[in-house]
Protein backbone atom coordinates (compact mmCIF):
# COMPACT_ATOMS: atom_id res chain seq x y z
CA MET A 1 190.06 120.61 -62.31
CA LYS A 2 193.57 120.08 -61.01
CA SER A 3 195.81 117.62 -62.74
CA THR A 4 198.02 115.12 -60.89
CA PRO A 5 201.71 115.76 -61.31
CA ILE A 6 203.38 113.21 -63.50
CA PHE A 7 205.90 112.25 -60.81
CA LEU A 8 203.05 111.26 -58.42
CA ILE A 9 201.51 108.99 -61.04
CA THR A 10 204.85 107.31 -61.62
CA ARG A 11 205.44 106.94 -57.88
CA ARG A 12 202.02 105.34 -57.30
CA LYS A 13 202.61 102.84 -60.08
CA TRP A 14 205.98 102.04 -58.59
CA GLU A 15 204.52 101.54 -55.13
CA HIS A 16 201.74 99.31 -56.53
CA CYS A 17 204.09 97.15 -58.55
CA CYS A 18 206.43 96.70 -55.66
CA ASP A 19 203.76 95.99 -53.01
CA SER A 20 204.99 92.94 -50.98
CA THR A 21 201.66 91.11 -51.32
CA VAL A 22 201.72 91.37 -55.12
CA ILE A 23 205.33 90.22 -55.26
CA GLY A 24 204.52 87.26 -52.97
CA ASP A 25 201.58 86.17 -55.11
CA ARG A 26 203.70 86.25 -58.25
CA VAL A 27 206.48 84.24 -56.62
CA ILE A 28 203.99 81.64 -55.39
CA LYS A 29 202.44 81.34 -58.85
CA GLN A 30 205.86 80.92 -60.41
CA LEU A 31 206.82 78.28 -57.83
CA VAL A 32 203.56 76.39 -58.40
CA THR A 33 204.07 76.51 -62.16
CA LEU A 34 207.66 75.31 -61.81
CA THR A 35 206.61 72.51 -59.46
CA VAL A 36 203.86 71.34 -61.80
CA LEU A 37 206.21 71.40 -64.80
CA THR A 38 208.86 69.49 -62.85
CA PHE A 39 206.28 66.91 -61.76
CA LEU A 40 205.06 66.48 -65.34
CA ILE A 41 208.61 66.04 -66.57
CA PHE A 42 209.24 63.32 -63.98
CA VAL A 43 205.92 61.66 -64.89
CA VAL A 44 206.83 61.66 -68.59
CA ILE A 45 210.29 60.26 -67.80
CA GLY A 46 208.79 57.63 -65.49
CA VAL A 47 206.15 56.59 -68.00
CA GLY A 48 208.76 56.44 -70.73
CA ARG A 49 211.07 54.32 -68.60
CA PHE A 50 208.21 52.00 -67.58
CA ALA A 51 207.10 51.65 -71.20
CA SER A 52 210.60 50.94 -72.44
CA GLN A 53 211.13 48.31 -69.75
CA ASN A 54 207.72 46.64 -69.83
CA LEU A 55 205.78 47.56 -72.96
CA SER A 56 208.26 47.85 -75.81
CA GLY A 57 207.54 44.25 -76.78
CA VAL A 58 203.94 45.10 -77.59
CA ILE A 59 204.94 47.01 -80.72
CA PRO A 60 205.30 43.91 -82.95
CA LEU A 61 201.82 42.81 -81.84
CA ILE A 62 200.20 46.13 -82.66
CA LYS A 63 201.97 46.44 -85.98
CA SER A 64 200.53 44.32 -88.78
CA SER A 65 202.99 41.94 -90.38
CA GLY A 66 201.37 42.69 -93.74
CA GLU A 67 201.52 39.03 -94.69
CA ASP A 68 199.04 36.14 -94.76
CA ILE A 69 200.66 33.11 -93.20
CA GLY A 70 198.27 30.85 -95.12
CA GLU A 71 199.59 32.19 -98.40
CA LEU A 72 203.16 31.88 -97.16
CA LEU A 73 202.63 28.23 -96.22
CA ARG A 74 201.22 27.48 -99.66
CA GLU A 75 204.48 28.72 -101.14
CA LYS A 76 206.59 25.78 -100.00
CA SER A 77 209.82 27.46 -101.08
CA SER A 78 209.17 30.45 -98.79
CA SER A 79 207.41 28.82 -95.85
CA PRO A 80 208.19 30.88 -92.76
CA LEU A 81 207.73 28.00 -90.30
CA THR A 82 210.53 25.55 -89.55
CA LEU A 83 209.79 21.99 -88.36
CA PRO A 84 211.97 18.93 -87.75
CA PRO A 85 212.64 16.65 -90.74
CA GLY A 86 209.73 14.34 -91.49
CA PHE A 87 207.00 16.79 -90.42
CA SER A 88 204.80 19.04 -92.54
CA ILE A 89 202.42 21.84 -91.62
CA SER A 90 199.37 23.18 -93.47
CA ILE A 91 196.30 25.33 -92.90
CA PHE A 92 193.32 23.27 -91.75
CA ALA A 93 190.95 26.25 -91.32
CA LYS A 94 191.25 30.01 -91.73
CA GLY A 95 189.22 33.19 -91.39
CA LEU A 96 188.52 32.58 -87.69
CA SER A 97 188.44 35.38 -85.15
CA ALA A 98 191.08 34.51 -82.56
CA PRO A 99 190.46 30.73 -82.14
CA ARG A 100 191.49 29.37 -78.75
CA VAL A 101 190.71 25.94 -77.22
CA LEU A 102 190.54 22.81 -79.40
CA THR A 103 188.74 19.54 -78.76
CA LEU A 104 187.21 16.69 -80.78
CA ASP A 105 183.62 15.52 -80.67
CA ILE A 106 182.72 11.82 -80.71
CA ALA A 107 182.52 11.89 -84.52
CA GLY A 108 186.03 13.33 -84.84
CA ASN A 109 185.02 16.87 -85.74
CA LEU A 110 187.28 19.64 -84.48
CA ILE A 111 185.45 21.94 -82.04
CA VAL A 112 186.93 25.37 -81.29
CA SER A 113 186.09 28.16 -78.83
CA ILE A 114 186.00 31.64 -80.37
CA THR A 115 186.30 33.54 -77.11
CA LYS A 116 186.39 36.97 -78.69
CA GLU A 117 183.03 36.48 -80.44
CA GLY A 118 181.29 34.56 -77.66
CA LYS A 119 180.75 31.37 -79.64
CA VAL A 120 181.89 27.81 -80.22
CA VAL A 121 182.28 26.45 -83.75
CA ALA A 122 182.79 23.09 -85.45
CA LEU A 123 185.21 22.56 -88.33
CA PRO A 124 184.14 19.36 -90.11
CA ASP A 125 186.39 17.81 -92.72
CA TYR A 126 183.80 15.75 -94.59
CA ASP A 127 186.10 14.54 -97.37
CA GLN A 128 189.08 13.93 -95.09
CA ASP A 129 191.43 15.97 -97.26
CA GLY A 130 193.05 17.81 -94.36
CA VAL A 131 191.07 21.03 -94.82
CA ALA A 132 187.86 21.98 -93.02
CA ASN A 133 184.92 22.16 -95.43
CA GLU A 134 183.00 24.77 -93.46
CA THR A 135 182.65 26.60 -90.17
CA VAL A 136 179.50 25.64 -88.28
CA VAL A 137 178.34 27.65 -85.27
CA VAL A 138 177.68 25.14 -82.50
CA ILE A 139 176.39 27.77 -80.08
CA GLU A 140 176.74 31.55 -79.71
CA GLY A 141 175.78 34.40 -77.41
CA LEU A 142 178.14 33.23 -74.66
CA ASP A 143 180.25 35.30 -72.26
CA ARG A 144 183.86 34.75 -73.38
CA PRO A 145 183.73 30.96 -73.73
CA HIS A 146 187.10 29.28 -73.45
CA GLY A 147 187.44 25.79 -71.97
CA LEU A 148 185.79 22.87 -73.79
CA ALA A 149 185.32 19.22 -72.86
CA PHE A 150 183.17 16.27 -73.87
CA LYS A 151 181.96 13.47 -71.64
CA CYS A 152 179.87 10.53 -72.79
CA PHE A 153 177.45 8.78 -70.47
CA PRO A 154 176.18 5.21 -71.05
CA PHE A 155 172.44 4.65 -71.12
CA GLY A 156 169.98 1.96 -72.11
CA GLU A 157 169.28 -1.45 -70.62
CA PHE A 158 172.74 -2.80 -71.32
CA GLY A 159 174.64 0.48 -71.11
CA ILE A 160 176.14 0.07 -74.58
CA GLU A 161 174.69 3.30 -75.97
CA TYR A 162 176.20 6.66 -75.13
CA GLU A 163 174.94 10.20 -74.84
CA CYS A 164 177.70 12.79 -75.07
CA LYS A 165 177.53 16.14 -73.31
CA LEU A 166 179.47 19.23 -74.29
CA TYR A 167 180.93 21.26 -71.43
CA ILE A 168 181.77 24.92 -72.00
CA ALA A 169 183.53 27.18 -69.50
CA GLU A 170 182.50 30.81 -69.76
CA THR A 171 184.14 33.51 -67.68
CA ASP A 172 181.55 33.23 -64.88
CA GLN A 173 180.20 29.68 -65.17
CA VAL A 174 180.61 26.15 -66.43
CA ALA A 175 177.63 24.77 -68.32
CA MET A 176 176.68 21.39 -69.76
CA TYR A 177 174.83 21.02 -73.08
CA ASP A 178 173.13 18.33 -75.09
CA TYR A 179 175.21 17.84 -78.22
CA ASP A 180 173.98 16.79 -81.66
CA ASP A 181 176.98 15.40 -83.52
CA GLU A 182 175.05 15.11 -86.78
CA ASN A 183 173.93 18.73 -86.96
CA LEU A 184 176.84 20.02 -84.88
CA LYS A 185 174.63 21.93 -82.47
CA ALA A 186 174.58 22.37 -78.69
CA SER A 187 171.30 22.94 -76.84
CA ASN A 188 169.56 22.74 -73.46
CA LYS A 189 172.13 24.67 -71.49
CA LYS A 190 172.44 23.69 -67.84
CA THR A 191 174.72 25.79 -65.65
CA ILE A 192 176.50 23.45 -63.23
CA ILE A 193 179.15 25.69 -61.58
CA ASP A 194 179.10 29.43 -60.86
CA LEU A 195 182.48 31.13 -61.13
CA PRO A 196 183.83 34.58 -60.24
CA GLY A 197 183.90 36.77 -63.34
CA GLY A 198 185.45 40.08 -64.29
CA LYS A 199 188.85 41.65 -63.61
CA ASN A 200 192.07 40.16 -65.00
CA HIS A 201 192.51 36.68 -66.43
CA PHE A 202 188.97 35.99 -67.58
CA THR A 203 189.58 32.67 -69.34
CA ARG A 204 188.38 29.47 -67.66
CA THR A 205 189.72 26.03 -68.56
CA ILE A 206 188.20 22.60 -67.88
CA ILE A 207 189.38 19.02 -68.14
CA PHE A 208 188.23 15.61 -66.94
CA ALA A 209 190.99 13.87 -65.01
CA LYS A 210 191.55 10.87 -62.78
CA THR A 211 192.21 11.96 -59.21
CA PRO A 212 192.70 10.12 -55.88
CA ASP A 213 188.92 10.49 -55.49
CA GLY A 214 188.00 9.16 -58.93
CA GLU A 215 187.39 10.99 -62.17
CA LYS A 216 186.63 14.67 -61.61
CA LEU A 217 185.94 17.79 -63.63
CA LEU A 218 188.78 20.25 -62.98
CA THR A 219 188.17 23.95 -63.55
CA SER A 220 190.99 26.49 -63.58
CA ILE A 221 190.31 30.13 -62.58
CA GLY A 222 193.07 32.73 -62.94
CA SER A 223 193.91 35.55 -60.55
CA SER A 224 192.09 38.87 -60.57
CA CYS A 225 195.33 40.85 -60.71
CA ASN A 226 198.98 40.81 -61.67
CA VAL A 227 200.08 40.05 -58.11
CA CYS A 228 197.94 40.47 -54.98
CA TYR A 229 196.24 38.72 -52.10
CA GLU A 230 192.87 37.61 -53.47
CA GLU A 231 189.65 38.67 -51.78
CA ASP A 232 187.74 35.86 -53.50
CA ASP A 233 189.29 32.52 -52.61
CA ARG A 234 187.94 31.01 -55.81
CA ARG A 235 190.58 32.93 -57.79
CA ALA A 236 194.06 31.59 -58.65
CA VAL A 237 192.93 28.01 -57.98
CA ILE A 238 191.79 24.82 -59.68
CA LEU A 239 188.42 23.54 -58.50
CA SER A 240 187.26 19.93 -58.51
CA SER A 241 183.70 18.67 -58.98
CA GLU A 242 181.61 15.79 -60.20
CA ALA A 243 180.52 15.75 -63.83
CA ASP A 244 177.16 17.25 -62.88
CA GLY A 245 178.82 20.13 -61.00
CA SER A 246 178.10 18.80 -57.53
CA GLY A 247 180.70 18.50 -54.79
CA VAL A 248 182.72 21.57 -55.79
CA GLY A 249 185.93 21.83 -53.77
CA TYR A 250 189.53 22.95 -54.04
CA PHE A 251 191.95 20.77 -55.94
CA ALA A 252 195.04 23.03 -56.06
CA ALA A 253 195.88 26.63 -55.16
CA GLY A 254 198.58 29.27 -55.65
CA LEU A 255 198.22 29.26 -59.44
CA ARG A 256 198.28 32.77 -60.91
CA ASN A 257 197.05 31.93 -64.40
CA THR A 258 196.87 28.28 -65.41
CA VAL A 259 195.21 28.59 -68.80
CA PHE A 260 195.73 25.09 -70.23
CA MET A 261 195.95 21.55 -68.84
CA THR A 262 196.60 18.13 -70.34
CA ILE A 263 196.82 14.51 -69.19
CA HIS A 264 199.97 12.39 -69.27
CA PRO A 265 199.02 9.38 -71.45
CA GLU A 266 200.67 6.82 -69.14
CA THR A 267 200.59 8.21 -65.60
CA GLY A 268 197.28 10.06 -65.92
CA GLU A 269 198.76 13.06 -64.11
CA VAL A 270 197.62 16.59 -64.92
CA PHE A 271 200.25 18.83 -66.52
CA ALA A 272 199.54 22.55 -66.74
CA THR A 273 201.14 25.74 -67.98
CA GLU A 274 201.42 28.74 -65.67
CA MET A 275 202.16 32.38 -66.52
CA GLY A 276 204.21 34.31 -63.96
CA ARG A 277 203.68 37.87 -62.79
CA ASP A 278 204.77 40.98 -64.70
CA LEU A 279 206.86 44.07 -63.80
CA LEU A 280 209.99 42.31 -62.59
CA GLY A 281 211.94 42.98 -65.77
CA ASP A 282 212.80 40.91 -68.81
CA ASP A 283 213.98 37.76 -67.08
CA LEU A 284 211.86 37.30 -63.94
CA PRO A 285 209.89 35.45 -62.90
CA PRO A 286 210.03 32.31 -65.04
CA ASP A 287 206.84 31.00 -66.55
CA GLU A 288 206.17 27.43 -65.50
CA ILE A 289 204.92 23.97 -66.26
CA ASN A 290 203.50 22.25 -63.19
CA ILE A 291 202.24 18.78 -62.38
CA ILE A 292 198.96 19.50 -60.63
CA ARG A 293 198.31 17.31 -57.62
CA LYS A 294 195.44 17.38 -55.17
CA GLY A 295 195.94 19.61 -52.15
CA LYS A 296 199.14 21.26 -53.38
CA ASN A 297 199.84 25.01 -53.19
CA TYR A 298 202.01 26.28 -56.04
CA GLY A 299 203.09 29.43 -54.27
CA TRP A 300 201.56 32.46 -55.95
CA PRO A 301 201.60 35.30 -55.01
CA VAL A 302 204.47 34.76 -52.54
CA CYS A 303 206.63 32.31 -54.51
CA TYR A 304 207.58 31.63 -58.10
CA GLY A 305 209.67 29.12 -60.05
CA LYS A 306 211.72 26.72 -57.94
CA ASN A 307 210.22 28.15 -54.73
CA ILE A 308 211.83 31.58 -55.02
CA HIS A 309 210.42 34.12 -52.58
CA ASP A 310 208.93 37.16 -54.37
CA THR A 311 210.28 39.80 -52.00
CA GLU A 312 209.31 42.56 -54.44
CA PHE A 313 205.72 41.82 -53.50
CA ASP A 314 205.94 40.12 -50.13
CA ASP A 315 208.23 41.33 -47.33
CA ASN A 316 206.28 39.84 -44.44
CA VAL A 317 207.95 38.09 -41.54
CA TYR A 318 206.70 34.53 -41.12
CA ILE A 319 206.92 31.94 -38.38
CA ARG A 320 208.69 29.80 -40.97
CA ALA A 321 210.62 30.75 -44.07
CA PRO A 322 208.27 31.04 -47.05
CA CYS A 323 208.52 28.98 -50.22
CA LEU A 324 209.48 25.61 -48.78
CA THR A 325 208.43 22.15 -49.87
CA PRO A 326 206.03 20.59 -48.86
CA PHE A 327 204.21 23.79 -47.91
CA GLU A 328 204.65 25.30 -51.37
CA GLU A 329 205.26 23.27 -54.49
CA PRO A 330 208.14 24.31 -56.78
CA SER A 331 207.68 24.43 -60.53
CA TYR A 332 208.25 21.26 -62.55
CA ILE A 333 209.80 23.10 -65.52
CA ASP A 334 210.91 26.73 -65.66
CA ILE A 335 210.29 28.55 -68.93
CA PRO A 336 211.89 31.89 -69.96
CA ALA A 337 209.94 34.82 -68.49
CA HIS A 338 207.10 36.27 -70.56
CA SER A 339 207.04 33.35 -73.03
CA SER A 340 203.33 33.01 -72.14
CA PRO A 341 203.00 29.22 -72.32
CA LEU A 342 199.48 28.14 -73.22
CA GLY A 343 198.43 24.87 -74.87
CA LEU A 344 200.36 21.69 -74.17
CA SER A 345 200.03 18.09 -75.23
CA PHE A 346 202.05 14.90 -75.29
CA ALA A 347 203.31 13.66 -78.64
CA PRO A 348 200.88 11.18 -80.22
CA LEU A 349 201.30 7.57 -81.19
CA GLY A 350 202.49 7.32 -84.76
CA TRP A 351 205.46 9.62 -84.30
CA PRO A 352 209.05 8.31 -84.08
CA VAL A 353 209.98 6.43 -80.92
CA GLU A 354 212.23 9.25 -79.72
CA TYR A 355 209.10 11.37 -79.24
CA LYS A 356 207.67 9.01 -76.63
CA ASN A 357 206.75 11.07 -73.54
CA SER A 358 207.68 14.29 -75.34
CA LEU A 359 205.69 17.25 -74.06
CA LEU A 360 204.86 19.90 -76.67
CA VAL A 361 204.17 23.41 -75.38
CA ALA A 362 202.85 26.46 -77.26
CA TYR A 363 204.69 29.68 -76.37
CA HIS A 364 202.13 32.36 -77.19
CA GLY A 365 204.85 35.00 -77.06
CA SER A 366 205.76 38.04 -74.98
CA TRP A 367 204.11 41.46 -75.09
CA ASN A 368 206.07 43.18 -72.31
CA ARG A 369 209.67 42.17 -72.88
CA SER A 370 212.22 44.53 -74.44
CA VAL A 371 213.43 41.71 -76.70
CA PRO A 372 210.42 39.58 -77.72
CA THR A 373 210.51 35.89 -76.85
CA GLY A 374 208.29 32.89 -77.50
CA TYR A 375 206.06 32.58 -80.58
CA LYS A 376 206.91 28.93 -81.11
CA ILE A 377 206.24 25.30 -80.14
CA VAL A 378 208.83 23.77 -77.82
CA ARG A 379 209.44 20.08 -77.10
CA PHE A 380 210.47 18.73 -73.69
CA ASP A 381 211.58 15.12 -73.49
CA LEU A 382 210.74 13.25 -70.28
CA ASP A 383 212.36 9.97 -69.33
CA ASP A 384 210.49 7.09 -67.69
CA GLU A 385 211.17 8.59 -64.24
CA GLY A 386 209.77 11.94 -65.31
CA ASN A 387 213.13 13.72 -65.44
CA VAL A 388 213.10 16.60 -67.88
CA GLN A 389 215.62 16.95 -70.65
CA LYS A 390 216.43 20.39 -72.00
CA GLY A 391 213.69 21.95 -74.12
CA LYS A 392 214.25 22.18 -77.85
CA ASP A 393 212.37 24.10 -80.52
CA PHE A 394 209.85 22.06 -82.49
CA ILE A 395 208.18 24.74 -84.63
CA THR A 396 209.57 28.24 -85.06
CA GLY A 397 209.06 31.14 -87.46
CA TRP A 398 206.01 32.99 -86.15
CA LEU A 399 208.43 35.67 -84.94
CA THR A 400 210.64 36.72 -87.84
CA ASP A 401 214.25 37.82 -87.65
CA ASP A 402 213.22 41.41 -88.37
CA GLY A 403 210.70 41.45 -85.51
CA ARG A 404 207.43 40.83 -87.37
CA VAL A 405 204.80 38.61 -85.72
CA LEU A 406 203.12 36.30 -88.24
CA GLY A 407 201.08 34.39 -85.67
CA ARG A 408 200.72 33.34 -82.04
CA PRO A 409 200.19 29.62 -81.26
CA VAL A 410 197.59 28.95 -78.57
CA ASP A 411 196.31 25.39 -78.09
CA ILE A 412 197.69 22.03 -79.18
CA LEU A 413 195.54 18.97 -79.83
CA VAL A 414 196.82 15.60 -81.02
CA GLU A 415 194.94 12.71 -82.58
CA PRO A 416 195.84 9.06 -81.90
CA GLY A 417 196.74 8.61 -85.55
CA GLY A 418 199.51 11.17 -85.29
CA ASP A 419 198.03 14.41 -86.61
CA MET A 420 198.39 17.53 -84.50
CA TYR A 421 196.30 20.73 -84.61
CA ILE A 422 197.39 24.17 -83.40
CA SER A 423 195.17 27.21 -82.98
CA ASP A 424 196.53 30.68 -83.74
CA ASP A 425 194.60 33.63 -82.34
CA ARG A 426 196.57 36.26 -84.23
CA ALA A 427 196.52 34.80 -87.74
CA GLY A 428 193.00 33.41 -87.20
CA VAL A 429 193.86 29.92 -88.43
CA ILE A 430 194.10 26.30 -87.33
CA TYR A 431 197.25 24.48 -88.45
CA LYS A 432 197.55 20.78 -89.10
CA VAL A 433 200.90 19.12 -88.44
CA THR A 434 201.50 15.68 -89.94
CA TYR A 435 204.36 13.24 -89.57
CA THR A 436 205.18 12.08 -93.09
CA GLY A 437 208.01 9.70 -92.24
CA GLU A 438 210.11 11.20 -95.01
CA ILE A 439 213.29 11.66 -93.01
């Protein structure tokens, strides 16, 4: 058997290694690898930049403060919350899982929606000592209940007796219940309005209000997205209906996420908070307070604030310039971006005269702002003509100086006697604010 000379073996290896096809394949593989690595680097940089610009504010929310605000409030010398002179704050109820909307039944019991757990609870204060005696489940097994309202109907021969119904807005419906104010139970559910469910902004809010067509049930439905043209025209609107759910129609449109509404005690007008879109940076667009009037369009998704055109989303050419009154309605009050305004209420009777027509607004607090903002109750003074004075802080301290979040105020409810209740879906408590007159 003849052996192959060593120089031939070496030559063949050299020819194989230097074959043009092999070299081309290796170059292509290296280029692909380099391209993929470059793409991944840009993705990581882009994600990091996006997170730093839009998500850095979420860190205080994820991180536990390590403190119980109820315990802190009991220690008067170290109370974290600051109020104006003459006001005190205490814990009315605790141990709740993210309480949201507050209302009162006909007997004066506080009723609260626990959206996260799919139930509504009552917090009776039997001995009137300013602390709820127990938590009673009014009804459970619901699909993210949020909005609550009571309406009492006269019955009997002389119409001097009343039967009160409890209305609950779930994410995909509004239902009416028989309500037992002695046992604090709701029963005999009757769905009166079907709503679009799913996607973003799943909370639904309801309120009975006087309108040009008489008293109506108003139902607010948020948008399905951050900013988009809706496929379902029942999104980003407020609907109007009779108390039994009949005659459903549009009351107002162009409202991205109107989560809470209240009634002006003198004019009867509907005031509502509105959360603006995300991803325009720390300072745009402003969140809003609007006066909701029948037939008005409040601009979303094309306009925000004082009728500013959102050209980042909408660059269409129109027959007319967009964002013009009376076609689109400008905001009534602009609020710093990402404050997340939720509950609002007018100051009650029993407070000092300078609080007349003062609007109190709960700033739930930012989650996507590089420097967190909100986490407080702000007061806006309105004169008799409705002109707005500059907002001023009423309760602060839920966001500490070192960036810890002790709580997030949600809804505000006032009683005619002067007491005010605030729900907090982070601390899981209901606060009671009282005017003591000790100025």
